[in-house]
Amino acid sequence: MIVAAIAATAGYLVWAKAHEAWPYDNETPQTLENPSNSSLSEVEGWQTYRNEEYGFQVRVPNEWTHHEEYSATKPSSKVLIMKSNDEKEMLTISTNPLETGIVGYEDLKTDDILVDGVRATRQFFQSSADKSFVEVWVIFDRKRPNSSAVDAYLITYSPSSKVLEAITSKLDQILSTFKFIK
């Protein structure tokens, strides 16, 4: 009898959590516009990385290198890794991510943004052990054109700057160039 009561209570709590309104449903996310004229000159000379298989392109600084690796958590999935030459900055892009959070990190800030017209969540994390290390995740999904399939995207950014405004500025420059290939 006690087990049944516990199971019923747990079931109700799961159901209630699943059916509550998302707190951001009525808010308009921040739009990441294409680079303004002042910042356009900063990204104009950047290299364009285009991935036909996963349906996107993005611009990153010219001195950055890129390569693909298979995901350790999902061997059938590839992860694109882009790094600055000094390896102080890194950006990764993966599709259909399995990750749900970062162990050993504290949430600094979370906001909703638009990436090429698609609603995304941008989350800033700080290492619990090394307070100087910050990482940013951008998570969104997109329905493929002319298909019922949906791709989930995870973009992570490990910046060289530890100043939140500088991190946001650099990442916003990169995200403003992210485009889906139709």
N, C-alpha and C. Protein backbone atom coordinates (compact mmCIF):
# COMPACT_ATOMS: atom_id res chain seq x y z
N MET A 1 0.81 -1.18 0.00
CA MET A 1 0.00 0.00 0.00
C MET A 1 0.87 1.27 0.00
N ILE A 2 1.91 1.26 0.83
CA ILE A 2 2.81 2.42 0.90
C ILE A 2 3.53 2.60 -0.43
N VAL A 3 3.97 1.50 -1.03
CA VAL A 3 4.66 1.56 -2.32
C VAL A 3 3.73 2.15 -3.38
N ALA A 4 2.46 1.75 -3.38
CA ALA A 4 1.49 2.28 -4.34
C ALA A 4 1.28 3.78 -4.14
N ALA A 5 1.23 4.22 -2.89
CA ALA A 5 1.05 5.64 -2.60
C ALA A 5 2.26 6.45 -3.06
N ILE A 6 3.45 5.92 -2.83
CA ILE A 6 4.67 6.60 -3.27
C ILE A 6 4.71 6.67 -4.79
N ALA A 7 4.38 5.55 -5.46
CA ALA A 7 4.37 5.52 -6.92
C ALA A 7 3.36 6.51 -7.49
N ALA A 8 2.17 6.57 -6.88
CA ALA A 8 1.14 7.50 -7.35
C ALA A 8 1.59 8.95 -7.17
N THR A 9 2.20 9.25 -6.03
CA THR A 9 2.69 10.61 -5.78
C THR A 9 3.79 10.98 -6.77
N ALA A 10 4.73 10.07 -6.97
CA ALA A 10 5.82 10.32 -7.92
C ALA A 10 5.26 10.51 -9.33
N GLY A 11 4.31 9.68 -9.71
CA GLY A 11 3.68 9.81 -11.03
C GLY A 11 3.00 11.15 -11.21
N TYR A 12 2.29 11.58 -10.18
CA TYR A 12 1.62 12.88 -10.25
C TYR A 12 2.64 14.01 -10.37
N LEU A 13 3.73 13.96 -9.60
CA LEU A 13 4.74 15.01 -9.66
C LEU A 13 5.39 15.08 -11.03
N VAL A 14 5.68 13.92 -11.63
CA VAL A 14 6.25 13.90 -12.98
C VAL A 14 5.26 14.49 -13.97
N TRP A 15 3.98 14.09 -13.87
CA TRP A 15 2.96 14.61 -14.78
C TRP A 15 2.81 16.13 -14.62
N ALA A 16 2.77 16.60 -13.38
CA ALA A 16 2.59 18.03 -13.11
C ALA A 16 3.76 18.83 -13.67
N LYS A 17 4.96 18.33 -13.50
CA LYS A 17 6.15 19.02 -14.01
C LYS A 17 6.12 19.07 -15.53
N ALA A 18 5.71 17.97 -16.17
CA ALA A 18 5.68 17.90 -17.63
C ALA A 18 4.61 18.82 -18.22
N HIS A 19 3.55 19.12 -17.49
CA HIS A 19 2.45 19.90 -18.04
C HIS A 19 2.43 21.36 -17.58
N GLU A 20 3.45 21.78 -16.85
CA GLU A 20 3.46 23.18 -16.43
C GLU A 20 3.92 24.06 -17.60
N ALA A 21 3.54 25.30 -17.59
CA ALA A 21 3.91 26.23 -18.66
C ALA A 21 5.40 26.53 -18.59
N TRP A 22 6.04 26.57 -19.73
CA TRP A 22 7.45 26.95 -19.81
C TRP A 22 7.52 28.43 -19.46
N PRO A 23 8.40 28.83 -18.53
CA PRO A 23 8.39 30.21 -18.04
C PRO A 23 8.69 31.26 -19.10
N TYR A 24 9.25 30.87 -20.24
CA TYR A 24 9.62 31.83 -21.27
C TYR A 24 8.65 31.84 -22.45
N ASP A 25 7.51 31.11 -22.35
CA ASP A 25 6.58 31.01 -23.47
C ASP A 25 6.08 32.37 -23.94
N ASN A 26 5.88 33.31 -23.05
CA ASN A 26 5.30 34.59 -23.42
C ASN A 26 6.34 35.68 -23.62
N GLU A 27 7.62 35.34 -23.53
CA GLU A 27 8.67 36.32 -23.71
C GLU A 27 9.22 36.23 -25.12
N THR A 28 9.63 37.35 -25.66
CA THR A 28 10.26 37.37 -26.97
C THR A 28 11.76 37.24 -26.78
N PRO A 29 12.39 36.24 -27.41
CA PRO A 29 13.84 36.09 -27.24
C PRO A 29 14.61 37.22 -27.91
N GLN A 30 15.81 37.45 -27.41
CA GLN A 30 16.69 38.44 -28.01
C GLN A 30 17.03 37.97 -29.42
N THR A 31 16.94 38.86 -30.39
CA THR A 31 17.27 38.50 -31.77
C THR A 31 18.73 38.83 -32.03
N LEU A 32 19.46 37.86 -32.56
CA LEU A 32 20.83 38.11 -32.96
C LEU A 32 20.79 38.53 -34.42
N GLU A 33 20.85 39.82 -34.64
CA GLU A 33 20.77 40.35 -35.99
C GLU A 33 22.04 40.02 -36.75
N ASN A 34 21.96 40.15 -38.07
CA ASN A 34 23.18 40.05 -38.85
C ASN A 34 24.11 41.14 -38.36
N PRO A 35 25.41 40.95 -38.53
CA PRO A 35 26.34 41.94 -37.98
C PRO A 35 26.02 43.35 -38.47
N SER A 36 26.08 44.32 -37.57
CA SER A 36 25.85 45.71 -37.94
C SER A 36 27.02 46.19 -38.79
N ASN A 37 26.88 47.36 -39.39
CA ASN A 37 27.96 47.88 -40.23
C ASN A 37 29.26 47.99 -39.47
N SER A 38 29.19 48.38 -38.19
CA SER A 38 30.41 48.52 -37.40
C SER A 38 31.06 47.17 -37.13
N SER A 39 30.24 46.14 -36.83
CA SER A 39 30.82 44.83 -36.55
C SER A 39 30.99 43.99 -37.81
N LEU A 40 30.35 44.39 -38.92
CA LEU A 40 30.49 43.65 -40.17
C LEU A 40 31.94 43.62 -40.61
N SER A 41 32.65 44.74 -40.43
CA SER A 41 34.05 44.77 -40.83
C SER A 41 34.88 43.78 -40.01
N GLU A 42 34.44 43.51 -38.77
CA GLU A 42 35.18 42.57 -37.93
C GLU A 42 35.01 41.13 -38.39
N VAL A 43 33.86 40.77 -38.95
CA VAL A 43 33.63 39.39 -39.38
C VAL A 43 33.78 39.21 -40.89
N GLU A 44 33.95 40.32 -41.60
CA GLU A 44 34.01 40.28 -43.06
C GLU A 44 35.14 39.39 -43.57
N GLY A 45 36.29 39.44 -42.93
CA GLY A 45 37.43 38.65 -43.38
C GLY A 45 37.48 37.25 -42.81
N TRP A 46 36.48 36.87 -42.03
CA TRP A 46 36.49 35.55 -41.42
C TRP A 46 36.23 34.46 -42.45
N GLN A 47 36.73 33.27 -42.17
CA GLN A 47 36.49 32.12 -43.03
C GLN A 47 35.09 31.57 -42.80
N THR A 48 34.50 31.02 -43.86
CA THR A 48 33.18 30.41 -43.75
C THR A 48 33.34 28.91 -43.75
N TYR A 49 32.79 28.27 -42.74
CA TYR A 49 32.75 26.81 -42.68
C TYR A 49 31.34 26.39 -43.08
N ARG A 50 31.24 25.50 -44.06
CA ARG A 50 29.94 25.05 -44.57
C ARG A 50 29.87 23.53 -44.42
N ASN A 51 28.78 23.04 -43.84
CA ASN A 51 28.61 21.60 -43.66
C ASN A 51 27.29 21.19 -44.29
N GLU A 52 27.39 20.58 -45.47
CA GLU A 52 26.19 20.15 -46.22
C GLU A 52 25.47 19.02 -45.49
N GLU A 53 26.23 18.12 -44.87
CA GLU A 53 25.63 16.96 -44.20
C GLU A 53 24.69 17.38 -43.07
N TYR A 54 25.10 18.37 -42.29
CA TYR A 54 24.29 18.80 -41.15
C TYR A 54 23.51 20.08 -41.44
N GLY A 55 23.67 20.65 -42.63
CA GLY A 55 22.82 21.74 -43.08
C GLY A 55 23.04 23.09 -42.44
N PHE A 56 24.30 23.52 -42.27
CA PHE A 56 24.55 24.85 -41.71
C PHE A 56 25.86 25.40 -42.24
N GLN A 57 26.02 26.70 -42.07
CA GLN A 57 27.32 27.34 -42.29
C GLN A 57 27.51 28.39 -41.21
N VAL A 58 28.77 28.67 -40.90
CA VAL A 58 29.10 29.64 -39.86
C VAL A 58 30.46 30.24 -40.20
N ARG A 59 30.67 31.48 -39.78
CA ARG A 59 31.95 32.14 -40.00
C ARG A 59 32.70 32.22 -38.67
N VAL A 60 34.01 31.98 -38.76
CA VAL A 60 34.89 32.07 -37.59
C VAL A 60 36.15 32.81 -38.01
N PRO A 61 36.91 33.33 -37.05
CA PRO A 61 38.14 34.05 -37.40
C PRO A 61 39.06 33.20 -38.28
N ASN A 62 39.77 33.88 -39.19
CA ASN A 62 40.63 33.19 -40.16
C ASN A 62 41.69 32.32 -39.53
N GLU A 63 42.21 32.73 -38.38
CA GLU A 63 43.31 31.97 -37.76
C GLU A 63 42.83 30.70 -37.07
N TRP A 64 41.53 30.48 -37.02
CA TRP A 64 41.01 29.28 -36.39
C TRP A 64 41.11 28.09 -37.33
N THR A 65 41.38 26.93 -36.76
CA THR A 65 41.41 25.68 -37.53
C THR A 65 40.17 24.87 -37.16
N HIS A 66 39.84 23.90 -38.01
CA HIS A 66 38.68 23.07 -37.70
C HIS A 66 38.93 21.63 -38.13
N HIS A 67 38.29 20.72 -37.43
CA HIS A 67 38.31 19.31 -37.79
C HIS A 67 37.08 18.64 -37.19
N GLU A 68 36.75 17.47 -37.70
CA GLU A 68 35.60 16.73 -37.19
C GLU A 68 36.09 15.50 -36.44
N GLU A 69 35.40 15.17 -35.38
CA GLU A 69 35.68 13.96 -34.60
C GLU A 69 34.37 13.26 -34.35
N TYR A 70 34.45 11.97 -34.09
CA TYR A 70 33.24 11.25 -33.69
C TYR A 70 33.01 11.50 -32.21
N SER A 71 31.76 11.66 -31.84
CA SER A 71 31.39 11.94 -30.45
C SER A 71 31.70 10.75 -29.56
N ALA A 72 32.26 11.02 -28.39
CA ALA A 72 32.54 9.95 -27.43
C ALA A 72 31.25 9.40 -26.83
N THR A 73 30.22 10.26 -26.72
CA THR A 73 28.96 9.81 -26.13
C THR A 73 28.00 9.22 -27.15
N LYS A 74 28.22 9.51 -28.43
CA LYS A 74 27.35 8.98 -29.48
C LYS A 74 28.23 8.72 -30.71
N PRO A 75 28.87 7.54 -30.78
CA PRO A 75 29.86 7.25 -31.82
C PRO A 75 29.37 7.44 -33.26
N SER A 76 28.07 7.39 -33.50
CA SER A 76 27.58 7.57 -34.87
C SER A 76 27.46 9.05 -35.24
N SER A 77 27.70 9.94 -34.29
CA SER A 77 27.55 11.38 -34.51
C SER A 77 28.91 12.06 -34.55
N LYS A 78 29.03 13.06 -35.43
CA LYS A 78 30.28 13.81 -35.52
C LYS A 78 30.15 15.13 -34.77
N VAL A 79 31.28 15.60 -34.28
CA VAL A 79 31.36 16.89 -33.60
C VAL A 79 32.37 17.73 -34.37
N LEU A 80 31.98 18.94 -34.74
CA LEU A 80 32.88 19.87 -35.39
C LEU A 80 33.59 20.66 -34.30
N ILE A 81 34.92 20.70 -34.37
CA ILE A 81 35.70 21.43 -33.37
C ILE A 81 36.49 22.51 -34.09
N MET A 82 36.33 23.75 -33.66
CA MET A 82 37.07 24.89 -34.22
C MET A 82 37.87 25.51 -33.09
N LYS A 83 39.16 25.75 -33.35
CA LYS A 83 40.03 26.30 -32.31
C LYS A 83 40.84 27.46 -32.85
N SER A 84 41.15 28.41 -31.95
CA SER A 84 42.11 29.45 -32.30
C SER A 84 43.49 28.80 -32.33
N ASN A 85 44.42 29.41 -33.06
CA ASN A 85 45.76 28.82 -33.18
C ASN A 85 46.43 28.62 -31.82
N ASP A 86 46.21 29.54 -30.89
CA ASP A 86 46.82 29.40 -29.57
C ASP A 86 46.00 28.48 -28.66
N GLU A 87 44.89 27.95 -29.18
CA GLU A 87 44.00 27.01 -28.49
C GLU A 87 43.41 27.59 -27.21
N LYS A 88 43.34 28.92 -27.11
CA LYS A 88 42.72 29.54 -25.94
C LYS A 88 41.22 29.68 -26.12
N GLU A 89 40.75 29.62 -27.36
CA GLU A 89 39.32 29.70 -27.65
C GLU A 89 38.92 28.47 -28.44
N MET A 90 37.73 27.95 -28.15
CA MET A 90 37.26 26.78 -28.88
C MET A 90 35.75 26.86 -29.03
N LEU A 91 35.27 26.45 -30.21
CA LEU A 91 33.85 26.39 -30.50
C LEU A 91 33.57 24.99 -31.01
N THR A 92 32.54 24.34 -30.50
CA THR A 92 32.15 23.03 -31.03
C THR A 92 30.70 23.11 -31.49
N ILE A 93 30.39 22.35 -32.53
CA ILE A 93 29.01 22.25 -33.02
C ILE A 93 28.72 20.78 -33.21
N SER A 94 27.65 20.30 -32.58
CA SER A 94 27.24 18.91 -32.77
C SER A 94 25.74 18.87 -32.99
N THR A 95 25.29 17.84 -33.68
CA THR A 95 23.86 17.68 -33.90
C THR A 95 23.36 16.52 -33.07
N ASN A 96 22.08 16.57 -32.75
CA ASN A 96 21.43 15.55 -31.93
C ASN A 96 22.22 15.26 -30.66
N PRO A 97 22.50 16.31 -29.87
CA PRO A 97 23.33 16.13 -28.68
C PRO A 97 22.64 15.32 -27.60
N LEU A 98 23.44 14.58 -26.85
CA LEU A 98 22.93 13.81 -25.73
C LEU A 98 23.16 14.52 -24.40
N GLU A 99 24.05 15.49 -24.40
CA GLU A 99 24.41 16.16 -23.16
C GLU A 99 23.21 16.88 -22.55
N THR A 100 23.12 16.86 -21.23
CA THR A 100 22.02 17.56 -20.57
C THR A 100 22.52 18.58 -19.56
N GLY A 101 23.80 18.70 -19.39
CA GLY A 101 24.35 19.66 -18.44
C GLY A 101 25.83 19.40 -18.27
N ILE A 102 26.46 20.23 -17.48
CA ILE A 102 27.89 20.08 -17.25
C ILE A 102 28.10 19.79 -15.78
N VAL A 103 28.69 18.65 -15.48
CA VAL A 103 28.99 18.28 -14.10
C VAL A 103 30.17 19.13 -13.63
N GLY A 104 30.08 19.67 -12.44
CA GLY A 104 31.17 20.46 -11.87
C GLY A 104 31.14 21.93 -12.29
N TYR A 105 30.01 22.39 -12.83
CA TYR A 105 29.88 23.78 -13.25
C TYR A 105 28.66 24.41 -12.61
N GLU A 106 28.73 25.72 -12.40
CA GLU A 106 27.60 26.48 -11.86
C GLU A 106 27.00 27.31 -12.98
N ASP A 107 25.68 27.43 -12.99
CA ASP A 107 24.98 28.24 -13.98
C ASP A 107 25.13 29.71 -13.62
N LEU A 108 25.74 30.50 -14.51
CA LEU A 108 25.91 31.93 -14.28
C LEU A 108 24.73 32.74 -14.79
N LYS A 109 24.26 32.38 -15.99
CA LYS A 109 23.23 33.17 -16.65
C LYS A 109 22.61 32.34 -17.76
N THR A 110 21.30 32.48 -17.95
CA THR A 110 20.61 31.80 -19.04
C THR A 110 19.68 32.80 -19.70
N ASP A 111 19.70 32.83 -21.05
CA ASP A 111 18.76 33.68 -21.76
C ASP A 111 18.32 33.01 -23.05
N ASP A 112 17.21 33.49 -23.60
CA ASP A 112 16.70 32.99 -24.86
C ASP A 112 17.12 33.94 -25.97
N ILE A 113 17.54 33.37 -27.10
CA ILE A 113 17.98 34.15 -28.26
C ILE A 113 17.41 33.51 -29.52
N LEU A 114 17.57 34.17 -30.65
CA LEU A 114 17.23 33.59 -31.95
C LEU A 114 18.51 33.40 -32.73
N VAL A 115 18.68 32.22 -33.32
CA VAL A 115 19.82 31.93 -34.18
C VAL A 115 19.24 31.60 -35.55
N ASP A 116 19.49 32.46 -36.52
CA ASP A 116 18.92 32.33 -37.87
C ASP A 116 17.41 32.09 -37.81
N GLY A 117 16.75 32.83 -36.93
CA GLY A 117 15.30 32.76 -36.82
C GLY A 117 14.76 31.62 -35.97
N VAL A 118 15.64 30.82 -35.39
CA VAL A 118 15.23 29.67 -34.57
C VAL A 118 15.48 29.99 -33.10
N ARG A 119 14.48 29.75 -32.26
CA ARG A 119 14.59 30.00 -30.81
C ARG A 119 15.67 29.09 -30.21
N ALA A 120 16.54 29.67 -29.40
CA ALA A 120 17.63 28.92 -28.77
C ALA A 120 17.78 29.37 -27.32
N THR A 121 18.40 28.53 -26.52
CA THR A 121 18.73 28.87 -25.15
C THR A 121 20.24 29.00 -25.06
N ARG A 122 20.70 30.14 -24.51
CA ARG A 122 22.14 30.37 -24.32
C ARG A 122 22.39 30.33 -22.82
N GLN A 123 23.32 29.46 -22.41
CA GLN A 123 23.58 29.27 -20.99
C GLN A 123 25.07 29.44 -20.72
N PHE A 124 25.39 30.27 -19.72
CA PHE A 124 26.76 30.54 -19.32
C PHE A 124 27.06 29.73 -18.06
N PHE A 125 28.17 28.98 -18.09
CA PHE A 125 28.58 28.16 -16.95
C PHE A 125 29.95 28.62 -16.46
N GLN A 126 30.20 28.42 -15.16
CA GLN A 126 31.50 28.69 -14.57
C GLN A 126 31.94 27.44 -13.83
N SER A 127 33.20 27.07 -13.99
CA SER A 127 33.73 25.89 -13.31
C SER A 127 33.63 26.07 -11.80
N SER A 128 33.13 25.04 -11.12
CA SER A 128 33.04 25.10 -9.65
C SER A 128 34.42 25.09 -9.02
N ALA A 129 35.36 24.38 -9.63
CA ALA A 129 36.71 24.26 -9.08
C ALA A 129 37.58 25.45 -9.46
N ASP A 130 37.56 25.85 -10.74
CA ASP A 130 38.39 26.94 -11.25
C ASP A 130 37.47 28.06 -11.70
N LYS A 131 37.22 29.01 -10.84
CA LYS A 131 36.25 30.08 -11.12
C LYS A 131 36.62 30.92 -12.34
N SER A 132 37.86 30.80 -12.83
CA SER A 132 38.26 31.59 -13.99
C SER A 132 37.84 30.93 -15.31
N PHE A 133 37.38 29.68 -15.26
CA PHE A 133 37.01 28.99 -16.50
C PHE A 133 35.51 29.10 -16.74
N VAL A 134 35.15 29.64 -17.90
CA VAL A 134 33.75 29.83 -18.28
C VAL A 134 33.50 29.09 -19.58
N GLU A 135 32.31 28.53 -19.74
CA GLU A 135 31.89 27.90 -20.99
C GLU A 135 30.46 28.33 -21.27
N VAL A 136 30.14 28.48 -22.56
CA VAL A 136 28.81 28.89 -22.97
C VAL A 136 28.22 27.81 -23.86
N TRP A 137 26.97 27.44 -23.60
CA TRP A 137 26.26 26.48 -24.44
C TRP A 137 25.09 27.19 -25.11
N VAL A 138 24.87 26.89 -26.39
CA VAL A 138 23.69 27.36 -27.12
C VAL A 138 23.01 26.10 -27.63
N ILE A 139 21.75 25.91 -27.24
CA ILE A 139 21.03 24.68 -27.57
C ILE A 139 19.74 25.04 -28.31
N PHE A 140 19.51 24.40 -29.46
CA PHE A 140 18.27 24.64 -30.19
C PHE A 140 18.00 23.46 -31.11
N ASP A 141 16.77 23.39 -31.59
CA ASP A 141 16.44 22.37 -32.57
C ASP A 141 15.70 23.01 -33.73
N ARG A 142 15.72 22.32 -34.85
CA ARG A 142 15.13 22.85 -36.07
C ARG A 142 14.53 21.72 -36.87
N LYS A 143 13.31 21.92 -37.34
CA LYS A 143 12.66 20.95 -38.21
C LYS A 143 13.28 21.09 -39.59
N ARG A 144 13.66 19.96 -40.17
CA ARG A 144 14.24 19.98 -41.50
C ARG A 144 13.18 20.41 -42.52
N PRO A 145 13.56 21.22 -43.51
CA PRO A 145 12.60 21.61 -44.55
C PRO A 145 12.08 20.37 -45.29
N ASN A 146 10.80 20.35 -45.58
CA ASN A 146 10.16 19.26 -46.34
C ASN A 146 10.34 17.90 -45.70
N SER A 147 10.36 17.85 -44.39
CA SER A 147 10.57 16.59 -43.69
C SER A 147 9.94 16.69 -42.30
N SER A 148 9.68 15.54 -41.70
CA SER A 148 9.19 15.55 -40.32
C SER A 148 10.34 15.41 -39.33
N ALA A 149 11.57 15.25 -39.84
CA ALA A 149 12.74 15.07 -38.97
C ALA A 149 13.13 16.40 -38.31
N VAL A 150 13.62 16.29 -37.09
CA VAL A 150 14.09 17.46 -36.34
C VAL A 150 15.54 17.20 -35.94
N ASP A 151 16.39 18.19 -36.17
CA ASP A 151 17.79 18.11 -35.74
C ASP A 151 17.97 18.98 -34.51
N ALA A 152 18.63 18.45 -33.50
CA ALA A 152 18.98 19.23 -32.31
C ALA A 152 20.43 19.66 -32.47
N TYR A 153 20.74 20.89 -32.12
CA TYR A 153 22.09 21.43 -32.25
C TYR A 153 22.59 21.85 -30.87
N LEU A 154 23.87 21.60 -30.64
CA LEU A 154 24.54 22.09 -29.44
C LEU A 154 25.80 22.80 -29.89
N ILE A 155 25.91 24.07 -29.57
CA ILE A 155 27.12 24.84 -29.85
C ILE A 155 27.73 25.17 -28.50
N THR A 156 29.00 24.83 -28.32
CA THR A 156 29.68 25.21 -27.08
C THR A 156 30.81 26.17 -27.42
N TYR A 157 31.07 27.10 -26.54
CA TYR A 157 32.12 28.09 -26.75
C TYR A 157 32.93 28.22 -25.47
N SER A 158 34.23 27.98 -25.58
CA SER A 158 35.16 28.14 -24.46
C SER A 158 36.02 29.35 -24.79
N PRO A 159 35.73 30.49 -24.21
CA PRO A 159 36.40 31.74 -24.58
C PRO A 159 37.74 31.94 -23.88
N SER A 160 38.53 32.87 -24.45
CA SER A 160 39.79 33.24 -23.79
C SER A 160 39.53 34.32 -22.75
N SER A 161 38.51 35.14 -22.97
CA SER A 161 38.18 36.21 -22.02
C SER A 161 37.38 35.64 -20.86
N LYS A 162 37.53 36.25 -19.71
CA LYS A 162 36.75 35.84 -18.54
C LYS A 162 35.69 36.89 -18.21
N VAL A 163 35.62 37.95 -19.02
CA VAL A 163 34.65 39.01 -18.82
C VAL A 163 33.38 38.66 -19.58
N LEU A 164 32.27 38.54 -18.87
CA LEU A 164 31.01 38.08 -19.45
C LEU A 164 30.59 38.89 -20.67
N GLU A 165 30.75 40.20 -20.63
CA GLU A 165 30.34 41.04 -21.76
C GLU A 165 31.20 40.75 -22.99
N ALA A 166 32.50 40.54 -22.81
CA ALA A 166 33.39 40.23 -23.93
C ALA A 166 33.06 38.86 -24.52
N ILE A 167 32.74 37.91 -23.65
CA ILE A 167 32.37 36.57 -24.10
C ILE A 167 31.10 36.65 -24.94
N THR A 168 30.11 37.37 -24.44
CA THR A 168 28.84 37.51 -25.14
C THR A 168 29.04 38.17 -26.49
N SER A 169 29.86 39.20 -26.55
CA SER A 169 30.11 39.93 -27.79
C SER A 169 30.73 39.03 -28.85
N LYS A 170 31.77 38.30 -28.50
CA LYS A 170 32.45 37.42 -29.46
C LYS A 170 31.52 36.31 -29.92
N LEU A 171 30.82 35.68 -29.00
CA LEU A 171 29.91 34.59 -29.36
C LEU A 171 28.77 35.12 -30.23
N ASP A 172 28.24 36.29 -29.90
CA ASP A 172 27.17 36.87 -30.72
C ASP A 172 27.64 37.16 -32.14
N GLN A 173 28.90 37.59 -32.28
CA GLN A 173 29.44 37.80 -33.63
C GLN A 173 29.42 36.48 -34.41
N ILE A 174 29.87 35.41 -33.78
CA ILE A 174 29.90 34.10 -34.45
C ILE A 174 28.48 33.63 -34.74
N LEU A 175 27.59 33.70 -33.74
CA LEU A 175 26.22 33.22 -33.93
C LEU A 175 25.46 34.03 -34.97
N SER A 176 25.80 35.32 -35.13
CA SER A 176 25.11 36.14 -36.13
C SER A 176 25.43 35.69 -37.55
N THR A 177 26.50 34.91 -37.71
CA THR A 177 26.86 34.41 -39.04
C THR A 177 26.37 32.98 -39.26
N PHE A 178 25.80 32.34 -38.23
CA PHE A 178 25.30 30.97 -38.35
C PHE A 178 24.04 30.98 -39.21
N LYS A 179 24.04 30.19 -40.27
CA LYS A 179 22.89 30.11 -41.18
C LYS A 179 22.61 28.66 -41.51
N PHE A 180 21.31 28.35 -41.59
CA PHE A 180 20.92 27.03 -42.05
C PHE A 180 20.96 27.02 -43.56
N ILE A 181 21.42 25.91 -44.11
CA ILE A 181 21.43 25.72 -45.56
C ILE A 181 20.12 25.07 -45.93
N LYS A 182 19.40 25.66 -46.81
CA LYS A 182 18.07 25.13 -47.19
C LYS A 182 18.20 23.91 -48.06
